[in-house]
N, C-alpha and C. Protein backbone atom coordinates (compact mmCIF):
# COMPACT_ATOMS: atom_id res chain seq x y z
N MET A 1 -1.58 -37.22 22.90
CA MET A 1 -2.41 -36.10 22.56
C MET A 1 -3.50 -36.55 21.61
N THR A 2 -4.67 -36.12 21.89
CA THR A 2 -5.80 -36.50 21.06
C THR A 2 -6.41 -35.32 20.33
N ALA A 3 -5.71 -34.21 20.34
CA ALA A 3 -6.25 -33.02 19.66
C ALA A 3 -6.27 -33.26 18.16
N LYS A 4 -7.37 -32.86 17.56
CA LYS A 4 -7.50 -33.03 16.11
C LYS A 4 -6.80 -31.86 15.41
N ALA A 5 -6.19 -32.20 14.32
CA ALA A 5 -5.54 -31.16 13.51
C ALA A 5 -6.62 -30.36 12.79
N THR A 6 -6.45 -29.08 12.81
CA THR A 6 -7.42 -28.23 12.11
C THR A 6 -6.71 -27.54 10.95
N ARG A 7 -7.46 -27.34 9.91
CA ARG A 7 -6.91 -26.65 8.75
C ARG A 7 -6.92 -25.15 8.98
N LYS A 8 -5.89 -24.53 8.49
CA LYS A 8 -5.84 -23.07 8.54
C LYS A 8 -6.68 -22.54 7.39
N PRO A 9 -7.38 -21.43 7.61
CA PRO A 9 -8.17 -20.87 6.51
C PRO A 9 -7.24 -20.38 5.40
N PRO A 10 -7.70 -20.47 4.15
CA PRO A 10 -6.83 -20.02 3.05
C PRO A 10 -6.55 -18.52 3.16
N VAL A 11 -5.33 -18.18 2.85
CA VAL A 11 -4.91 -16.78 2.93
C VAL A 11 -5.14 -16.13 1.57
N LYS A 12 -5.87 -15.03 1.57
CA LYS A 12 -6.10 -14.30 0.33
C LYS A 12 -4.88 -13.43 0.03
N ASP A 13 -4.71 -13.14 -1.25
CA ASP A 13 -3.64 -12.22 -1.64
C ASP A 13 -3.90 -10.87 -1.00
N PRO A 14 -2.86 -10.24 -0.47
CA PRO A 14 -3.08 -8.92 0.14
C PRO A 14 -3.52 -7.90 -0.90
N VAL A 15 -4.39 -7.03 -0.50
CA VAL A 15 -4.87 -5.98 -1.38
C VAL A 15 -3.80 -4.90 -1.48
N ILE A 16 -3.48 -4.51 -2.70
CA ILE A 16 -2.45 -3.50 -2.92
C ILE A 16 -3.08 -2.12 -2.80
N ASP A 17 -2.55 -1.33 -1.89
CA ASP A 17 -3.02 0.05 -1.73
C ASP A 17 -2.11 0.95 -2.54
N ILE A 18 -2.66 1.57 -3.57
CA ILE A 18 -1.86 2.37 -4.50
C ILE A 18 -1.17 3.54 -3.80
N ARG A 19 -1.75 4.02 -2.71
CA ARG A 19 -1.17 5.18 -2.01
C ARG A 19 0.11 4.82 -1.26
N THR A 20 0.33 3.54 -0.96
CA THR A 20 1.51 3.15 -0.19
C THR A 20 2.70 2.81 -1.08
N LEU A 21 2.48 2.67 -2.37
CA LEU A 21 3.56 2.26 -3.26
C LEU A 21 4.27 3.47 -3.86
N GLU A 22 5.57 3.38 -3.94
CA GLU A 22 6.36 4.40 -4.60
C GLU A 22 6.76 3.94 -6.00
N ARG A 23 7.02 2.66 -6.15
CA ARG A 23 7.42 2.10 -7.43
C ARG A 23 6.48 0.94 -7.76
N PHE A 24 6.17 0.80 -9.03
CA PHE A 24 5.28 -0.25 -9.50
C PHE A 24 6.03 -1.16 -10.46
N THR A 25 5.82 -2.46 -10.36
CA THR A 25 6.35 -3.39 -11.34
C THR A 25 5.39 -3.40 -12.53
N PRO A 26 5.82 -3.88 -13.68
CA PRO A 26 4.89 -3.97 -14.81
C PRO A 26 3.63 -4.79 -14.48
N GLU A 27 3.79 -5.83 -13.66
CA GLU A 27 2.64 -6.65 -13.28
C GLU A 27 1.65 -5.86 -12.42
N GLN A 28 2.17 -5.04 -11.51
CA GLN A 28 1.29 -4.22 -10.68
C GLN A 28 0.58 -3.16 -11.51
N VAL A 29 1.28 -2.60 -12.48
CA VAL A 29 0.66 -1.59 -13.35
C VAL A 29 -0.50 -2.23 -14.12
N GLU A 30 -0.28 -3.44 -14.61
CA GLU A 30 -1.35 -4.14 -15.35
C GLU A 30 -2.50 -4.50 -14.42
N GLU A 31 -2.19 -5.02 -13.23
CA GLU A 31 -3.22 -5.45 -12.28
C GLU A 31 -4.08 -4.27 -11.82
N LEU A 32 -3.45 -3.14 -11.56
CA LEU A 32 -4.18 -1.96 -11.09
C LEU A 32 -4.78 -1.14 -12.24
N LYS A 33 -4.55 -1.60 -13.47
CA LYS A 33 -5.08 -0.93 -14.66
C LYS A 33 -4.65 0.54 -14.74
N LEU A 34 -3.36 0.75 -14.48
CA LEU A 34 -2.80 2.10 -14.55
C LEU A 34 -2.30 2.44 -15.95
N SER A 35 -2.33 1.46 -16.84
CA SER A 35 -1.89 1.65 -18.21
C SER A 35 -2.71 0.72 -19.10
N PRO A 36 -2.90 1.09 -20.36
CA PRO A 36 -3.67 0.20 -21.24
C PRO A 36 -2.86 -0.99 -21.74
N TYR A 37 -1.58 -1.07 -21.39
CA TYR A 37 -0.70 -2.11 -21.90
C TYR A 37 -0.59 -3.28 -20.93
N THR A 38 -0.22 -4.44 -21.46
CA THR A 38 0.04 -5.61 -20.63
C THR A 38 1.44 -5.47 -20.03
N ALA A 39 1.75 -6.33 -19.07
CA ALA A 39 3.07 -6.29 -18.43
C ALA A 39 4.16 -6.57 -19.45
N ALA A 40 3.92 -7.51 -20.35
CA ALA A 40 4.92 -7.85 -21.37
C ALA A 40 5.17 -6.66 -22.31
N THR A 41 4.10 -5.99 -22.70
CA THR A 41 4.25 -4.82 -23.58
C THR A 41 4.98 -3.69 -22.87
N LEU A 42 4.69 -3.49 -21.59
CA LEU A 42 5.39 -2.46 -20.83
C LEU A 42 6.88 -2.75 -20.77
N ARG A 43 7.23 -4.04 -20.55
CA ARG A 43 8.65 -4.41 -20.51
C ARG A 43 9.32 -4.16 -21.86
N LYS A 44 8.65 -4.56 -22.95
CA LYS A 44 9.23 -4.36 -24.28
C LYS A 44 9.42 -2.88 -24.59
N LYS A 45 8.42 -2.07 -24.29
CA LYS A 45 8.52 -0.64 -24.56
C LYS A 45 9.61 0.00 -23.70
N ALA A 46 9.77 -0.47 -22.47
CA ALA A 46 10.83 0.06 -21.60
C ALA A 46 12.21 -0.34 -22.12
N GLN A 47 12.33 -1.58 -22.57
CA GLN A 47 13.62 -2.03 -23.11
C GLN A 47 13.99 -1.27 -24.37
N ARG A 48 12.99 -0.89 -25.15
CA ARG A 48 13.24 -0.11 -26.37
C ARG A 48 13.34 1.39 -26.08
N ARG A 49 13.17 1.75 -24.82
CA ARG A 49 13.21 3.15 -24.35
C ARG A 49 12.14 4.01 -25.03
N GLU A 50 10.95 3.42 -25.18
CA GLU A 50 9.83 4.14 -25.78
C GLU A 50 8.95 4.81 -24.73
N ILE A 51 9.08 4.40 -23.47
CA ILE A 51 8.27 4.98 -22.40
C ILE A 51 9.17 5.32 -21.22
N HIS A 52 8.67 6.20 -20.35
CA HIS A 52 9.41 6.58 -19.15
C HIS A 52 9.37 5.43 -18.14
N HIS A 53 10.52 5.14 -17.54
CA HIS A 53 10.62 4.07 -16.55
C HIS A 53 11.92 4.23 -15.77
N HIS A 54 12.10 3.37 -14.77
CA HIS A 54 13.34 3.30 -14.01
C HIS A 54 13.86 1.87 -14.09
N ARG A 55 15.17 1.74 -14.05
CA ARG A 55 15.79 0.42 -13.97
C ARG A 55 16.55 0.36 -12.66
N ASP A 56 15.99 -0.35 -11.73
CA ASP A 56 16.62 -0.52 -10.42
C ASP A 56 17.20 -1.93 -10.34
N GLY A 57 18.51 -2.03 -10.44
CA GLY A 57 19.13 -3.34 -10.40
C GLY A 57 18.67 -4.22 -11.55
N MET A 58 18.53 -3.63 -12.73
CA MET A 58 18.08 -4.31 -13.94
C MET A 58 16.61 -4.73 -13.88
N LYS A 59 15.87 -4.23 -12.91
CA LYS A 59 14.43 -4.48 -12.84
C LYS A 59 13.71 -3.22 -13.30
N ILE A 60 12.73 -3.40 -14.14
CA ILE A 60 11.97 -2.27 -14.67
C ILE A 60 10.88 -1.91 -13.68
N THR A 61 10.86 -0.64 -13.27
CA THR A 61 9.82 -0.15 -12.37
C THR A 61 9.30 1.19 -12.88
N PHE A 62 8.12 1.56 -12.38
CA PHE A 62 7.49 2.81 -12.77
C PHE A 62 7.09 3.59 -11.53
N THR A 63 7.27 4.90 -11.55
CA THR A 63 6.76 5.76 -10.50
C THR A 63 5.44 6.35 -10.98
N ARG A 64 4.73 7.02 -10.09
CA ARG A 64 3.49 7.68 -10.49
C ARG A 64 3.77 8.73 -11.57
N ASP A 65 4.89 9.42 -11.42
CA ASP A 65 5.28 10.44 -12.39
C ASP A 65 5.55 9.81 -13.76
N ASP A 66 6.21 8.65 -13.78
CA ASP A 66 6.46 7.95 -15.04
C ASP A 66 5.14 7.59 -15.72
N LEU A 67 4.20 7.08 -14.95
CA LEU A 67 2.91 6.68 -15.51
C LEU A 67 2.15 7.88 -16.07
N GLN A 68 2.25 9.02 -15.38
CA GLN A 68 1.59 10.23 -15.87
C GLN A 68 2.24 10.71 -17.17
N ARG A 69 3.57 10.68 -17.21
CA ARG A 69 4.28 11.08 -18.43
C ARG A 69 3.94 10.16 -19.60
N ASN A 70 3.84 8.86 -19.32
CA ASN A 70 3.48 7.91 -20.38
C ASN A 70 2.06 8.16 -20.88
N ALA A 71 1.17 8.52 -19.99
CA ALA A 71 -0.20 8.84 -20.40
C ALA A 71 -0.21 10.10 -21.26
N ASP A 72 0.65 11.06 -20.92
CA ASP A 72 0.72 12.31 -21.69
C ASP A 72 1.32 12.10 -23.08
N LEU A 73 2.11 11.03 -23.25
CA LEU A 73 2.72 10.77 -24.56
C LEU A 73 1.66 10.52 -25.63
N GLY A 74 0.55 9.90 -25.24
CA GLY A 74 -0.50 9.59 -26.20
C GLY A 74 -1.56 10.66 -26.32
N ALA A 75 -1.43 11.73 -25.57
CA ALA A 75 -2.44 12.79 -25.62
C ALA A 75 -2.29 13.61 -26.90
N THR A 76 -3.42 14.02 -27.43
CA THR A 76 -3.39 14.86 -28.62
C THR A 76 -4.06 16.19 -28.30
N ALA A 77 -3.53 17.24 -28.89
CA ALA A 77 -4.09 18.57 -28.68
C ALA A 77 -5.21 18.82 -29.68
N PRO A 78 -6.17 19.63 -29.33
CA PRO A 78 -7.25 19.93 -30.28
C PRO A 78 -6.69 20.71 -31.48
N LEU A 79 -7.31 20.49 -32.61
CA LEU A 79 -6.88 21.16 -33.83
C LEU A 79 -7.44 22.57 -33.86
N ALA A 80 -6.55 23.54 -34.00
CA ALA A 80 -6.98 24.94 -34.07
C ALA A 80 -7.11 25.33 -35.54
N ILE A 81 -8.29 25.73 -35.92
CA ILE A 81 -8.53 26.12 -37.30
C ILE A 81 -8.52 27.64 -37.39
N GLY A 82 -7.63 28.16 -38.22
CA GLY A 82 -7.52 29.61 -38.38
C GLY A 82 -8.68 30.17 -39.19
N ALA A 83 -9.06 31.39 -38.90
CA ALA A 83 -10.20 32.01 -39.60
C ALA A 83 -9.80 32.61 -40.91
């Protein structure tokens, strides 16, 4: 055989579609910028039970609802000044 070997084109990382995911890893949350925290900080806060999360087989994951609840934790209400 005299066929020349050809290189396969490099495979790019697949694009993550947020609508198809039910659970997010801390790395995915950081990559998609769904939280202001890094993956390491998310893991630490989850281990300390400071934020909403799930532990599936000792793996920390987040649902969309968890991320919304965590965002609401830092929300502040406007100050009402009495007359």
